[in-house]
Amino acid sequence: MNQAEAILLGLRIWGSIGAVIAAMFLTIGMDRIDDDARDAYIFRPLLIPSILVIWPLVLWRWYLYESGHEHWARRYDPPRKAHFYVGWVLPVGICLIILTGLSQRQTWPAETAPVQLSEPTEISQ
């Protein structure tokens, strides 16, 4: 098995688990954790692609709601403490990546002779 097949197998496994979680969550879990979603079935197929991708987060949040460990007061409070640091780390990291890429010298083999490209031939119609 080469690297591409391994990646494809991993994606298939991830998507299969996500499909099972999406089916369970959209049929059973949605009604249990959100009162506004009861009897609202039209929008649920729109959630399938996102649940396929982030199914571990969906399972974690579902567990928190079911077990009672979810703090409703912090439900809509985004974690803004890290925004200042992320706001500096991202541009500095991008600059470092660009500088690292520019600093890597690429050399062409000296023993390779240059080849002159021929002019394209005209196509008559």
PDB file of N, CA and C in Angstrom:
ATOM      1  N   MET A   1       0.856  -1.180   0.000  1.00  0.00           N
ATOM      2  CA  MET A   1       0.000   0.000   0.000  1.00  0.00           C
ATOM      3  C   MET A   1       0.892   1.230   0.000  1.00  0.00           C
ATOM      4  N   ASN A   2       0.670   2.087  -0.982  1.00  0.00           N
ATOM      5  CA  ASN A   2       1.477   3.294  -1.031  1.00  0.00           C
ATOM      6  C   ASN A   2       0.809   4.405  -0.213  1.00  0.00           C
ATOM      7  N   GLN A   3       1.447   5.542  -0.206  1.00  0.00           N
ATOM      8  CA  GLN A   3       0.994   6.635   0.649  1.00  0.00           C
ATOM      9  C   GLN A   3      -0.373   7.161   0.221  1.00  0.00           C
ATOM     10  N   ALA A   4      -0.624   7.269  -1.070  1.00  0.00           N
ATOM     11  CA  ALA A   4      -1.911   7.766  -1.556  1.00  0.00           C
ATOM     12  C   ALA A   4      -3.050   6.823  -1.170  1.00  0.00           C
ATOM     13  N   GLU A   5      -2.813   5.522  -1.274  1.00  0.00           N
ATOM     14  CA  GLU A   5      -3.846   4.560  -0.889  1.00  0.00           C
ATOM     15  C   GLU A   5      -4.121   4.620   0.603  1.00  0.00           C
ATOM     16  N   ALA A   6      -3.083   4.833   1.412  1.00  0.00           N
ATOM     17  CA  ALA A   6      -3.264   4.939   2.853  1.00  0.00           C
ATOM     18  C   ALA A   6      -4.072   6.181   3.216  1.00  0.00           C
ATOM     19  N   ILE A   7      -3.786   7.287   2.547  1.00  0.00           N
ATOM     20  CA  ILE A   7      -4.546   8.513   2.805  1.00  0.00           C
ATOM     21  C   ILE A   7      -5.999   8.332   2.393  1.00  0.00           C
ATOM     22  N   LEU A   8      -6.219   7.723   1.250  1.00  0.00           N
ATOM     23  CA  LEU A   8      -7.582   7.482   0.769  1.00  0.00           C
ATOM     24  C   LEU A   8      -8.334   6.536   1.706  1.00  0.00           C
ATOM     25  N   LEU A   9      -7.661   5.510   2.199  1.00  0.00           N
ATOM     26  CA  LEU A   9      -8.290   4.601   3.153  1.00  0.00           C
ATOM     27  C   LEU A   9      -8.648   5.336   4.437  1.00  0.00           C
ATOM     28  N   GLY A  10      -7.753   6.185   4.911  1.00  0.00           N
ATOM     29  CA  GLY A  10      -8.041   6.965   6.113  1.00  0.00           C
ATOM     30  C   GLY A  10      -9.237   7.892   5.925  1.00  0.00           C
ATOM     31  N   LEU A  11      -9.320   8.521   4.752  1.00  0.00           N
ATOM     32  CA  LEU A  11     -10.464   9.390   4.470  1.00  0.00           C
ATOM     33  C   LEU A  11     -11.766   8.604   4.383  1.00  0.00           C
ATOM     34  N   ARG A  12     -11.698   7.411   3.816  1.00  0.00           N
ATOM     35  CA  ARG A  12     -12.900   6.576   3.739  1.00  0.00           C
ATOM     36  C   ARG A  12     -13.366   6.148   5.125  1.00  0.00           C
ATOM     37  N   ILE A  13     -12.422   5.776   5.982  1.00  0.00           N
ATOM     38  CA  ILE A  13     -12.782   5.383   7.346  1.00  0.00           C
ATOM     39  C   ILE A  13     -13.368   6.575   8.093  1.00  0.00           C
ATOM     40  N   TRP A  14     -12.718   7.741   7.968  1.00  0.00           N
ATOM     41  CA  TRP A  14     -13.197   8.959   8.622  1.00  0.00           C
ATOM     42  C   TRP A  14     -14.619   9.296   8.146  1.00  0.00           C
ATOM     43  N   GLY A  15     -14.844   9.230   6.844  1.00  0.00           N
ATOM     44  CA  GLY A  15     -16.163   9.532   6.293  1.00  0.00           C
ATOM     45  C   GLY A  15     -17.211   8.510   6.690  1.00  0.00           C
ATOM     46  N   SER A  16     -16.828   7.240   6.781  1.00  0.00           N
ATOM     47  CA  SER A  16     -17.779   6.206   7.195  1.00  0.00           C
ATOM     48  C   SER A  16     -18.217   6.405   8.640  1.00  0.00           C
ATOM     49  N   ILE A  17     -17.256   6.679   9.500  1.00  0.00           N
ATOM     50  CA  ILE A  17     -17.600   6.953  10.899  1.00  0.00           C
ATOM     51  C   ILE A  17     -18.457   8.206  10.971  1.00  0.00           C
ATOM     52  N   GLY A  18     -18.110   9.223  10.201  1.00  0.00           N
ATOM     53  CA  GLY A  18     -18.887  10.455  10.178  1.00  0.00           C
ATOM     54  C   GLY A  18     -20.298  10.231   9.682  1.00  0.00           C
ATOM     55  N   ALA A  19     -20.480   9.336   8.700  1.00  0.00           N
ATOM     56  CA  ALA A  19     -21.817   9.053   8.188  1.00  0.00           C
ATOM     57  C   ALA A  19     -22.686   8.378   9.253  1.00  0.00           C
ATOM     58  N   VAL A  20     -22.092   7.455  10.002  1.00  0.00           N
ATOM     59  CA  VAL A  20     -22.840   6.795  11.078  1.00  0.00           C
ATOM     60  C   VAL A  20     -23.207   7.809  12.162  1.00  0.00           C
ATOM     61  N   ILE A  21     -22.258   8.652  12.540  1.00  0.00           N
ATOM     62  CA  ILE A  21     -22.515   9.671  13.566  1.00  0.00           C
ATOM     63  C   ILE A  21     -23.563  10.655  13.069  1.00  0.00           C
ATOM     64  N   ALA A  22     -23.490  11.059  11.812  1.00  0.00           N
ATOM     65  CA  ALA A  22     -24.470  12.004  11.264  1.00  0.00           C
ATOM     66  C   ALA A  22     -25.866  11.398  11.281  1.00  0.00           C
ATOM     67  N   ALA A  23     -25.979  10.134  10.900  1.00  0.00           N
ATOM     68  CA  ALA A  23     -27.293   9.489  10.914  1.00  0.00           C
ATOM     69  C   ALA A  23     -27.857   9.410  12.325  1.00  0.00           C
ATOM     70  N   MET A  24     -27.013   9.036  13.289  1.00  0.00           N
ATOM     71  CA  MET A  24     -27.476   8.946  14.675  1.00  0.00           C
ATOM     72  C   MET A  24     -27.813  10.326  15.246  1.00  0.00           C
ATOM     73  N   PHE A  25     -26.945  11.278  14.998  1.00  0.00           N
ATOM     74  CA  PHE A  25     -27.144  12.595  15.590  1.00  0.00           C
ATOM     75  C   PHE A  25     -28.364  13.299  15.007  1.00  0.00           C
ATOM     76  N   LEU A  26     -28.523  13.215  13.685  1.00  0.00           N
ATOM     77  CA  LEU A  26     -29.630  13.934  13.063  1.00  0.00           C
ATOM     78  C   LEU A  26     -30.975  13.279  13.312  1.00  0.00           C
ATOM     79  N   THR A  27     -31.013  11.992  13.629  1.00  0.00           N
ATOM     80  CA  THR A  27     -32.282  11.339  13.921  1.00  0.00           C
ATOM     81  C   THR A  27     -32.606  11.316  15.408  1.00  0.00           C
ATOM     82  N   ILE A  28     -31.603  11.131  16.251  1.00  0.00           N
ATOM     83  CA  ILE A  28     -31.841  10.997  17.689  1.00  0.00           C
ATOM     84  C   ILE A  28     -31.357  12.210  18.474  1.00  0.00           C
ATOM     85  N   GLY A  29     -30.109  12.594  18.250  1.00  0.00           N
ATOM     86  CA  GLY A  29     -29.467  13.584  19.105  1.00  0.00           C
ATOM     87  C   GLY A  29     -29.944  15.010  18.935  1.00  0.00           C
ATOM     88  N   MET A  30     -30.299  15.398  17.729  1.00  0.00           N
ATOM     89  CA  MET A  30     -30.685  16.788  17.480  1.00  0.00           C
ATOM     90  C   MET A  30     -31.906  17.176  18.303  1.00  0.00           C
ATOM     91  N   ASP A  31     -32.890  16.305  18.374  1.00  0.00           N
ATOM     92  CA  ASP A  31     -34.097  16.613  19.140  1.00  0.00           C
ATOM     93  C   ASP A  31     -33.824  16.667  20.636  1.00  0.00           C
ATOM     94  N   ARG A  32     -32.841  15.929  21.090  1.00  0.00           N
ATOM     95  CA  ARG A  32     -32.565  15.862  22.526  1.00  0.00           C
ATOM     96  C   ARG A  32     -31.788  17.054  23.046  1.00  0.00           C
ATOM     97  N   ILE A  33     -30.950  17.666  22.203  1.00  0.00           N
ATOM     98  CA  ILE A  33     -30.113  18.754  22.710  1.00  0.00           C
ATOM     99  C   ILE A  33     -30.607  20.137  22.317  1.00  0.00           C
ATOM    100  N   ASP A  34     -31.499  20.225  21.328  1.00  0.00           N
ATOM    101  CA  ASP A  34     -31.962  21.534  20.885  1.00  0.00           C
ATOM    102  C   ASP A  34     -33.482  21.509  20.756  1.00  0.00           C
ATOM    103  N   ASP A  35     -34.145  22.261  21.633  1.00  0.00           N
ATOM    104  CA  ASP A  35     -35.600  22.288  21.611  1.00  0.00           C
ATOM    105  C   ASP A  35     -36.145  22.929  20.343  1.00  0.00           C
ATOM    106  N   ASP A  36     -35.414  23.868  19.782  1.00  0.00           N
ATOM    107  CA  ASP A  36     -35.875  24.545  18.567  1.00  0.00           C
ATOM    108  C   ASP A  36     -35.798  23.657  17.337  1.00  0.00           C
ATOM    109  N   ALA A  37     -35.035  22.569  17.409  1.00  0.00           N
ATOM    110  CA  ALA A  37     -34.875  21.690  16.249  1.00  0.00           C
ATOM    111  C   ALA A  37     -35.919  20.591  16.199  1.00  0.00           C
ATOM    112  N   ARG A  38     -36.774  20.522  17.186  1.00  0.00           N
ATOM    113  CA  ARG A  38     -37.803  19.480  17.180  1.00  0.00           C
ATOM    114  C   ARG A  38     -38.763  19.707  16.029  1.00  0.00           C
ATOM    115  N   ASP A  39     -39.066  18.650  15.330  1.00  0.00           N
ATOM    116  CA  ASP A  39     -39.975  18.655  14.177  1.00  0.00           C
ATOM    117  C   ASP A  39     -39.497  19.557  13.043  1.00  0.00           C
ATOM    118  N   ALA A  40     -38.240  19.905  13.021  1.00  0.00           N
ATOM    119  CA  ALA A  40     -37.661  20.678  11.915  1.00  0.00           C
ATOM    120  C   ALA A  40     -36.726  19.747  11.160  1.00  0.00           C
ATOM    121  N   TYR A  41     -37.236  19.137  10.104  1.00  0.00           N
ATOM    122  CA  TYR A  41     -36.480  18.115   9.399  1.00  0.00           C
ATOM    123  C   TYR A  41     -35.917  18.582   8.062  1.00  0.00           C
ATOM    124  N   ILE A  42     -36.333  19.735   7.595  1.00  0.00           N
ATOM    125  CA  ILE A  42     -35.917  20.192   6.270  1.00  0.00           C
ATOM    126  C   ILE A  42     -34.449  20.607   6.246  1.00  0.00           C
ATOM    127  N   PHE A  43     -33.946  21.226   7.308  1.00  0.00           N
ATOM    128  CA  PHE A  43     -32.578  21.736   7.305  1.00  0.00           C
ATOM    129  C   PHE A  43     -31.545  20.671   7.664  1.00  0.00           C
ATOM    130  N   ARG A  44     -31.943  19.555   8.177  1.00  0.00           N
ATOM    131  CA  ARG A  44     -30.989  18.546   8.666  1.00  0.00           C
ATOM    132  C   ARG A  44     -30.081  17.973   7.581  1.00  0.00           C
ATOM    133  N   PRO A  45     -30.557  17.723   6.359  1.00  0.00           N
ATOM    134  CA  PRO A  45     -29.613  17.248   5.332  1.00  0.00           C
ATOM    135  C   PRO A  45     -28.495  18.250   5.031  1.00  0.00           C
ATOM    136  N   LEU A  46     -28.731  19.518   5.297  1.00  0.00           N
ATOM    137  CA  LEU A  46     -27.677  20.504   5.078  1.00  0.00           C
ATOM    138  C   LEU A  46     -26.524  20.350   6.069  1.00  0.00           C
ATOM    139  N   LEU A  47     -26.772  19.699   7.190  1.00  0.00           N
ATOM    140  CA  LEU A  47     -25.740  19.510   8.209  1.00  0.00           C
ATOM    141  C   LEU A  47     -24.861  18.292   7.962  1.00  0.00           C
ATOM    142  N   ILE A  48     -25.266  17.419   7.059  1.00  0.00           N
ATOM    143  CA  ILE A  48     -24.534  16.168   6.841  1.00  0.00           C
ATOM    144  C   ILE A  48     -23.076  16.396   6.433  1.00  0.00           C
ATOM    145  N   PRO A  49     -22.754  17.279   5.469  1.00  0.00           N
ATOM    146  CA  PRO A  49     -21.337  17.457   5.105  1.00  0.00           C
ATOM    147  C   PRO A  49     -20.469  17.947   6.265  1.00  0.00           C
ATOM    148  N   SER A  50     -21.006  18.843   7.065  1.00  0.00           N
ATOM    149  CA  SER A  50     -20.191  19.351   8.176  1.00  0.00           C
ATOM    150  C   SER A  50     -20.012  18.294   9.257  1.00  0.00           C
ATOM    151  N   ILE A  51     -21.029  17.491   9.512  1.00  0.00           N
ATOM    152  CA  ILE A  51     -20.890  16.435  10.526  1.00  0.00           C
ATOM    153  C   ILE A  51     -19.915  15.363  10.045  1.00  0.00           C
ATOM    154  N   LEU A  52     -19.876  15.088   8.733  1.00  0.00           N
ATOM    155  CA  LEU A  52     -18.910  14.125   8.209  1.00  0.00           C
ATOM    156  C   LEU A  52     -17.473  14.563   8.497  1.00  0.00           C
ATOM    157  N   VAL A  53     -17.237  15.865   8.499  1.00  0.00           N
ATOM    158  CA  VAL A  53     -15.881  16.375   8.690  1.00  0.00           C
ATOM    159  C   VAL A  53     -15.537  16.524  10.170  1.00  0.00           C
ATOM    160  N   ILE A  54     -16.444  17.061  10.961  1.00  0.00           N
ATOM    161  CA  ILE A  54     -16.116  17.371  12.363  1.00  0.00           C
ATOM    162  C   ILE A  54     -16.862  16.457  13.333  1.00  0.00           C
ATOM    163  N   TRP A  55     -17.018  15.193  12.993  1.00  0.00           N
ATOM    164  CA  TRP A  55     -17.774  14.291  13.844  1.00  0.00           C
ATOM    165  C   TRP A  55     -17.190  14.113  15.250  1.00  0.00           C
ATOM    166  N   PRO A  56     -15.864  14.198  15.486  1.00  0.00           N
ATOM    167  CA  PRO A  56     -15.403  14.097  16.880  1.00  0.00           C
ATOM    168  C   PRO A  56     -15.915  15.254  17.740  1.00  0.00           C
ATOM    169  N   LEU A  57     -15.967  16.447  17.177  1.00  0.00           N
ATOM    170  CA  LEU A  57     -16.494  17.592  17.916  1.00  0.00           C
ATOM    171  C   LEU A  57     -17.988  17.423  18.180  1.00  0.00           C
ATOM    172  N   VAL A  58     -18.719  16.903  17.200  1.00  0.00           N
ATOM    173  CA  VAL A  58     -20.151  16.661  17.385  1.00  0.00           C
ATOM    174  C   VAL A  58     -20.365  15.657  18.500  1.00  0.00           C
ATOM    175  N   LEU A  59     -19.599  14.573  18.518  1.00  0.00           N
ATOM    176  CA  LEU A  59     -19.718  13.584  19.591  1.00  0.00           C
ATOM    177  C   LEU A  59     -19.392  14.183  20.956  1.00  0.00           C
ATOM    178  N   TRP A  60     -18.352  14.997  21.013  1.00  0.00           N
ATOM    179  CA  TRP A  60     -17.950  15.608  22.283  1.00  0.00           C
ATOM    180  C   TRP A  60     -19.034  16.536  22.810  1.00  0.00           C
ATOM    181  N   ARG A  61     -19.560  17.394  21.936  1.00  0.00           N
ATOM    182  CA  ARG A  61     -20.608  18.314  22.358  1.00  0.00           C
ATOM    183  C   ARG A  61     -21.880  17.561  22.746  1.00  0.00           C
ATOM    184  N   TRP A  62     -22.215  16.522  22.018  1.00  0.00           N
ATOM    185  CA  TRP A  62     -23.378  15.709  22.327  1.00  0.00           C
ATOM    186  C   TRP A  62     -23.219  15.058  23.692  1.00  0.00           C
ATOM    187  N   TYR A  63     -22.023  14.560  23.976  1.00  0.00           N
ATOM    188  CA  TYR A  63     -21.748  13.981  25.285  1.00  0.00           C
ATOM    189  C   TYR A  63     -21.902  15.021  26.393  1.00  0.00           C
ATOM    190  N   LEU A  64     -21.385  16.217  26.165  1.00  0.00           N
ATOM    191  CA  LEU A  64     -21.500  17.264  27.199  1.00  0.00           C
ATOM    192  C   LEU A  64     -22.952  17.614  27.482  1.00  0.00           C
ATOM    193  N   TYR A  65     -23.755  17.724  26.462  1.00  0.00           N
ATOM    194  CA  TYR A  65     -25.171  18.045  26.663  1.00  0.00           C
ATOM    195  C   TYR A  65     -25.914  16.916  27.353  1.00  0.00           C
ATOM    196  N   GLU A  66     -25.654  15.694  26.957  1.00  0.00           N
ATOM    197  CA  GLU A  66     -26.359  14.551  27.532  1.00  0.00           C
ATOM    198  C   GLU A  66     -25.953  14.305  28.980  1.00  0.00           C
ATOM    199  N   SER A  67     -24.679  14.527  29.306  1.00  0.00           N
ATOM    200  CA  SER A  67     -24.214  14.249  30.662  1.00  0.00           C
ATOM    201  C   SER A  67     -24.478  15.397  31.627  1.00  0.00           C
ATOM    202  N   GLY A  68     -24.837  16.554  31.105  1.00  0.00           N
ATOM    203  CA  GLY A  68     -25.118  17.695  31.984  1.00  0.00           C
ATOM    204  C   GLY A  68     -23.897  18.506  32.330  1.00  0.00           C
ATOM    205  N   HIS A  69     -22.764  18.253  31.694  1.00  0.00           N
ATOM    206  CA  HIS A  69     -21.544  19.004  31.976  1.00  0.00           C
ATOM    207  C   HIS A  69     -21.455  20.303  31.187  1.00  0.00           C
ATOM    208  N   GLU A  70     -22.417  20.550  30.307  1.00  0.00           N
ATOM    209  CA  GLU A  70     -22.419  21.763  29.493  1.00  0.00           C
ATOM    210  C   GLU A  70     -22.871  22.943  30.346  1.00  0.00           C
ATOM    211  N   HIS A  71     -22.064  24.008  30.338  1.00  0.00           N
ATOM    212  CA  HIS A  71     -22.416  25.228  31.072  1.00  0.00           C
ATOM    213  C   HIS A  71     -23.158  26.144  30.114  1.00  0.00           C
ATOM    214  N   TRP A  72     -24.446  26.289  30.328  1.00  0.00           N
ATOM    215  CA  TRP A  72     -25.266  27.056  29.390  1.00  0.00           C
ATOM    216  C   TRP A  72     -24.882  28.523  29.361  1.00  0.00           C
ATOM    217  N   ALA A  73     -24.325  29.052  30.442  1.00  0.00           N
ATOM    218  CA  ALA A  73     -23.950  30.473  30.458  1.00  0.00           C
ATOM    219  C   ALA A  73     -22.780  30.744  29.522  1.00  0.00           C
ATOM    220  N   ARG A  74     -21.902  29.757  29.322  1.00  0.00           N
ATOM    221  CA  ARG A  74     -20.738  29.937  28.447  1.00  0.00           C
ATOM    222  C   ARG A  74     -20.988  29.416  27.047  1.00  0.00           C
ATOM    223  N   ARG A  75     -22.206  29.045  26.722  1.00  0.00           N
ATOM    224  CA  ARG A  75     -22.502  28.428  25.428  1.00  0.00           C
ATOM    225  C   ARG A  75     -22.224  29.365  24.265  1.00  0.00           C
ATOM    226  N   TYR A  76     -22.545  30.625  24.419  1.00  0.00           N
ATOM    227  CA  TYR A  76     -22.373  31.577  23.328  1.00  0.00           C
ATOM    228  C   TYR A  76     -21.205  32.525  23.563  1.00  0.00           C
ATOM    229  N   ASP A  77     -20.322  32.201  24.488  1.00  0.00           N
ATOM    230  CA  ASP A  77     -19.170  33.036  24.786  1.00  0.00           C
ATOM    231  C   ASP A  77     -17.948  32.465  24.065  1.00  0.00           C
ATOM    232  N   PRO A  78     -17.522  33.092  22.989  1.00  0.00           N
ATOM    233  CA  PRO A  78     -16.369  32.545  22.260  1.00  0.00           C
ATOM    234  C   PRO A  78     -15.074  32.737  23.044  1.00  0.00           C
ATOM    235  N   PRO A  79     -14.115  31.875  22.836  1.00  0.00           N
ATOM    236  CA  PRO A  79     -12.832  32.006  23.540  1.00  0.00           C
ATOM    237  C   PRO A  79     -11.985  33.121  22.928  1.00  0.00           C
ATOM    238  N   ARG A  80     -12.145  34.312  23.437  1.00  0.00           N
ATOM    239  CA  ARG A  80     -11.479  35.473  22.839  1.00  0.00           C
ATOM    240  C   ARG A  80     -10.128  35.784  23.462  1.00  0.00           C
ATOM    241  N   LYS A  81      -9.733  35.072  24.475  1.00  0.00           N
ATOM    242  CA  LYS A  81      -8.451  35.356  25.121  1.00  0.00           C
ATOM    243  C   LYS A  81      -7.274  35.095  24.180  1.00  0.00           C
ATOM    244  N   ALA A  82      -7.417  34.135  23.306  1.00  0.00           N
ATOM    245  CA  ALA A  82      -6.315  33.760  22.416  1.00  0.00           C
ATOM    246  C   ALA A  82      -6.277  34.595  21.148  1.00  0.00           C
ATOM    247  N   HIS A  83      -7.276  35.415  20.900  1.00  0.00           N
ATOM    248  CA  HIS A  83      -7.323  36.158  19.642  1.00  0.00           C
ATOM    249  C   HIS A  83      -6.143  37.113  19.489  1.00  0.00           C
ATOM    250  N   PHE A  84      -5.714  37.744  20.557  1.00  0.00           N
ATOM    251  CA  PHE A  84      -4.583  38.669  20.476  1.00  0.00           C
ATOM    252  C   PHE A  84      -3.317  37.935  20.037  1.00  0.00           C
ATOM    253  N   TYR A  85      -3.055  36.791  20.659  1.00  0.00           N
ATOM    254  CA  TYR A  85      -1.843  36.039  20.341  1.00  0.00           C
ATOM    255  C   TYR A  85      -1.912  35.431  18.940  1.00  0.00           C
ATOM    256  N   VAL A  86      -3.056  34.919  18.578  1.00  0.00           N
ATOM    257  CA  VAL A  86      -3.210  34.344  17.236  1.00  0.00           C
ATOM    258  C   VAL A  86      -3.073  35.443  16.186  1.00  0.00           C
ATOM    259  N   GLY A  87      -3.558  36.646  16.519  1.00  0.00           N
ATOM    260  CA  GLY A  87      -3.442  37.767  15.597  1.00  0.00           C
ATOM    261  C   GLY A  87      -2.001  38.152  15.318  1.00  0.00           C
ATOM    262  N   TRP A  88      -1.102  37.849  16.208  1.00  0.00           N
ATOM    263  CA  TRP A  88       0.323  38.113  15.983  1.00  0.00           C
ATOM    264  C   TRP A  88       1.056  36.890  15.445  1.00  0.00           C
ATOM    265  N   VAL A  89       0.685  35.712  15.891  1.00  0.00           N
ATOM    266  CA  VAL A  89       1.384  34.497  15.467  1.00  0.00           C
ATOM    267  C   VAL A  89       1.166  34.228  13.976  1.00  0.00           C
ATOM    268  N   LEU A  90      -0.055  34.422  13.480  1.00  0.00           N
ATOM    269  CA  LEU A  90      -0.321  34.133  12.068  1.00  0.00           C
ATOM    270  C   LEU A  90       0.493  35.001  11.121  1.00  0.00           C
ATOM    271  N   PRO A  91       0.499  36.337  11.239  1.00  0.00           N
ATOM    272  CA  PRO A  91       1.306  37.103  10.279  1.00  0.00           C
ATOM    273  C   PRO A  91       2.806  36.866  10.429  1.00  0.00           C
ATOM    274  N   VAL A  92       3.270  36.705  11.663  1.00  0.00           N
ATOM    275  CA  VAL A  92       4.699  36.442  11.858  1.00  0.00           C
ATOM    276  C   VAL A  92       5.052  35.076  11.272  1.00  0.00           C
ATOM    277  N   GLY A  93       4.187  34.079  11.486  1.00  0.00           N
ATOM    278  CA  GLY A  93       4.431  32.748  10.919  1.00  0.00           C
ATOM    279  C   GLY A  93       4.433  32.760   9.402  1.00  0.00           C
ATOM    280  N   ILE A  94       3.517  33.509   8.803  1.00  0.00           N
ATOM    281  CA  ILE A  94       3.490  33.605   7.346  1.00  0.00           C
ATOM    282  C   ILE A  94       4.765  34.247   6.820  1.00  0.00           C
ATOM    283  N   CYS A  95       5.207  35.312   7.484  1.00  0.00           N
ATOM    284  CA  CYS A  95       6.462  35.962   7.066  1.00  0.00           C
ATOM    285  C   CYS A  95       7.648  35.010   7.208  1.00  0.00           C
ATOM    286  N   LEU A  96       7.685  34.238   8.294  1.00  0.00           N
ATOM    287  CA  LEU A  96       8.783  33.285   8.475  1.00  0.00           C
ATOM    288  C   LEU A  96       8.759  32.190   7.409  1.00  0.00           C
ATOM    289  N   ILE A  97       7.589  31.734   7.054  1.00  0.00           N
ATOM    290  CA  ILE A  97       7.488  30.710   6.012  1.00  0.00           C
ATOM    291  C   ILE A  97       7.979  31.260   4.679  1.00  0.00           C
ATOM    292  N   ILE A  98       7.571  32.489   4.348  1.00  0.00           N
ATOM    293  CA  ILE A  98       8.009  33.098   3.082  1.00  0.00           C
ATOM    294  C   ILE A  98       9.516  33.309   3.091  1.00  0.00           C
ATOM    295  N   LEU A  99      10.071  33.827   4.185  1.00  0.00           N
ATOM    296  CA  LEU A  99      11.518  34.054   4.254  1.00  0.00           C
ATOM    297  C   LEU A  99      12.291  32.743   4.193  1.00  0.00           C
ATOM    298  N   THR A 100      11.787  31.706   4.831  1.00  0.00           N
ATOM    299  CA  THR A 100      12.451  30.410   4.775  1.00  0.00           C
ATOM    300  C   THR A 100      12.443  29.873   3.341  1.00  0.00           C
ATOM    301  N   GLY A 101      11.319  30.018   2.655  1.00  0.00           N
ATOM    302  CA  GLY A 101      11.247  29.563   1.273  1.00  0.00           C
ATOM    303  C   GLY A 101      12.173  30.331   0.358  1.00  0.00           C
ATOM    304  N   LEU A 102      12.300  31.643   0.598  1.00  0.00           N
ATOM    305  CA  LEU A 102      13.191  32.444  -0.237  1.00  0.00           C
ATOM    306  C   LEU A 102      14.664  32.216   0.091  1.00  0.00           C
ATOM    307  N   SER A 103      14.945  31.815   1.326  1.00  0.00           N
ATOM    308  CA  SER A 103      16.350  31.640   1.718  1.00  0.00           C
ATOM    309  C   SER A 103      16.924  30.307   1.245  1.00  0.00           C
ATOM    310  N   GLN A 104      16.092  29.365   0.888  1.00  0.00           N
ATOM    311  CA  GLN A 104      16.572  28.079   0.410  1.00  0.00           C
ATOM    312  C   GLN A 104      17.067  28.243  -1.024  1.00  0.00           C
ATOM    313  N   ARG A 105      18.355  28.093  -1.229  1.00  0.00           N
ATOM    314  CA  ARG A 105      18.931  28.279  -2.554  1.00  0.00           C
ATOM    315  C   ARG A 105      18.779  26.988  -3.341  1.00  0.00           C
ATOM    316  N   GLN A 106      18.236  27.155  -4.514  1.00  0.00           N
ATOM    317  CA  GLN A 106      18.094  26.016  -5.403  1.00  0.00           C
ATOM    318  C   GLN A 106      19.132  26.149  -6.507  1.00  0.00           C
ATOM    319  N   THR A 107      19.930  25.124  -6.675  1.00  0.00           N
ATOM    320  CA  THR A 107      20.977  25.158  -7.693  1.00  0.00           C
ATOM    321  C   THR A 107      20.639  24.161  -8.784  1.00  0.00           C
ATOM    322  N   TRP A 108      20.968  24.542  -9.993  1.00  0.00           N
ATOM    323  CA  TRP A 108      20.779  23.672 -11.145  1.00  0.00           C
ATOM    324  C   TRP A 108      22.072  22.914 -11.376  1.00  0.00           C
ATOM    325  N   PRO A 109      21.980  21.657 -11.753  1.00  0.00           N
ATOM    326  CA  PRO A 109      23.216  20.904 -11.990  1.00  0.00           C
ATOM    327  C   PRO A 109      24.082  21.582 -13.046  1.00  0.00           C
ATOM    328  N   ALA A 110      25.367  21.751 -12.744  1.00  0.00           N
ATOM    329  CA  ALA A 110      26.280  22.464 -13.638  1.00  0.00           C
ATOM    330  C   ALA A 110      26.587  21.660 -14.897  1.00  0.00           C
ATOM    331  N   GLU A 111      26.498  20.341 -14.850  1.00  0.00           N
ATOM    332  CA  GLU A 111      26.865  19.541 -16.010  1.00  0.00           C
ATOM    333  C   GLU A 111      25.744  19.443 -17.050  1.00  0.00           C
ATOM    334  N   THR A 112      24.595  19.975 -16.767  1.00  0.00           N
ATOM    335  CA  THR A 112      23.490  19.927 -17.715  1.00  0.00           C
ATOM    336  C   THR A 112      23.607  21.096 -18.686  1.00  0.00           C
ATOM    337  N   ALA A 113      23.657  20.765 -19.968  1.00  0.00           N
ATOM    338  CA  ALA A 113      23.774  21.807 -20.990  1.00  0.00           C
ATOM    339  C   ALA A 113      22.401  22.414 -21.265  1.00  0.00           C
ATOM    340  N   PRO A 114      22.368  23.719 -21.518  1.00  0.00           N
ATOM    341  CA  PRO A 114      21.079  24.336 -21.825  1.00  0.00           C
ATOM    342  C   PRO A 114      20.569  23.873 -23.186  1.00  0.00           C
ATOM    343  N   VAL A 115      19.270  23.788 -23.311  1.00  0.00           N
ATOM    344  CA  VAL A 115      18.638  23.340 -24.542  1.00  0.00           C
ATOM    345  C   VAL A 115      17.768  24.478 -25.055  1.00  0.00           C
ATOM    346  N   GLN A 116      17.944  24.823 -26.348  1.00  0.00           N
ATOM    347  CA  GLN A 116      17.139  25.874 -26.926  1.00  0.00           C
ATOM    348  C   GLN A 116      15.797  25.286 -27.366  1.00  0.00           C
ATOM    349  N   LEU A 117      14.747  25.936 -26.969  1.00  0.00           N
ATOM    350  CA  LEU A 117      13.417  25.480 -27.344  1.00  0.00           C
ATOM    351  C   LEU A 117      13.119  25.901 -28.767  1.00  0.00           C
ATOM    352  N   SER A 118      12.476  25.054 -29.501  1.00  0.00           N
ATOM    353  CA  SER A 118      12.143  25.387 -30.888  1.00  0.00           C
ATOM    354  C   SER A 118      10.852  26.198 -30.913  1.00  0.00           C
ATOM    355  N   GLU A 119      10.703  26.942 -31.984  1.00  0.00           N
ATOM    356  CA  GLU A 119       9.513  27.750 -32.152  1.00  0.00           C
ATOM    357  C   GLU A 119       8.321  26.840 -32.434  1.00  0.00           C
ATOM    358  N   PRO A 120       7.160  27.220 -31.970  1.00  0.00           N
ATOM    359  CA  PRO A 120       6.000  26.368 -32.235  1.00  0.00           C
ATOM    360  C   PRO A 120       5.652  26.392 -33.730  1.00  0.00           C
ATOM    361  N   THR A 121       5.253  25.251 -34.226  1.00  0.00           N
ATOM    362  CA  THR A 121       4.870  25.176 -35.621  1.00  0.00           C
ATOM    363  C   THR A 121       3.454  25.690 -35.792  1.00  0.00           C
ATOM    364  N   GLU A 122       3.214  26.322 -36.931  1.00  0.00           N
ATOM    365  CA  GLU A 122       1.881  26.869 -37.179  1.00  0.00           C
ATOM    366  C   GLU A 122       0.962  25.770 -37.653  1.00  0.00           C
ATOM    367  N   ILE A 123      -0.242  25.841 -37.192  1.00  0.00           N
ATOM    368  CA  ILE A 123      -1.247  24.842 -37.557  1.00  0.00           C
ATOM    369  C   ILE A 123      -2.144  25.448 -38.634  1.00  0.00           C
ATOM    370  N   SER A 124      -2.197  24.805 -39.772  1.00  0.00           N
ATOM    371  CA  SER A 124      -3.061  25.318 -40.843  1.00  0.00           C
ATOM    372  C   SER A 124      -4.424  24.656 -40.758  1.00  0.00           C
ATOM    373  N   GLN A 125      -5.412  25.458 -40.969  1.00  0.00           N
ATOM    374  CA  GLN A 125      -6.777  24.929 -40.861  1.00  0.00           C
ATOM    375  C   GLN A 125      -7.489  24.992 -42.170  1.00  0.00           C
TER     376      GLN A 125
END
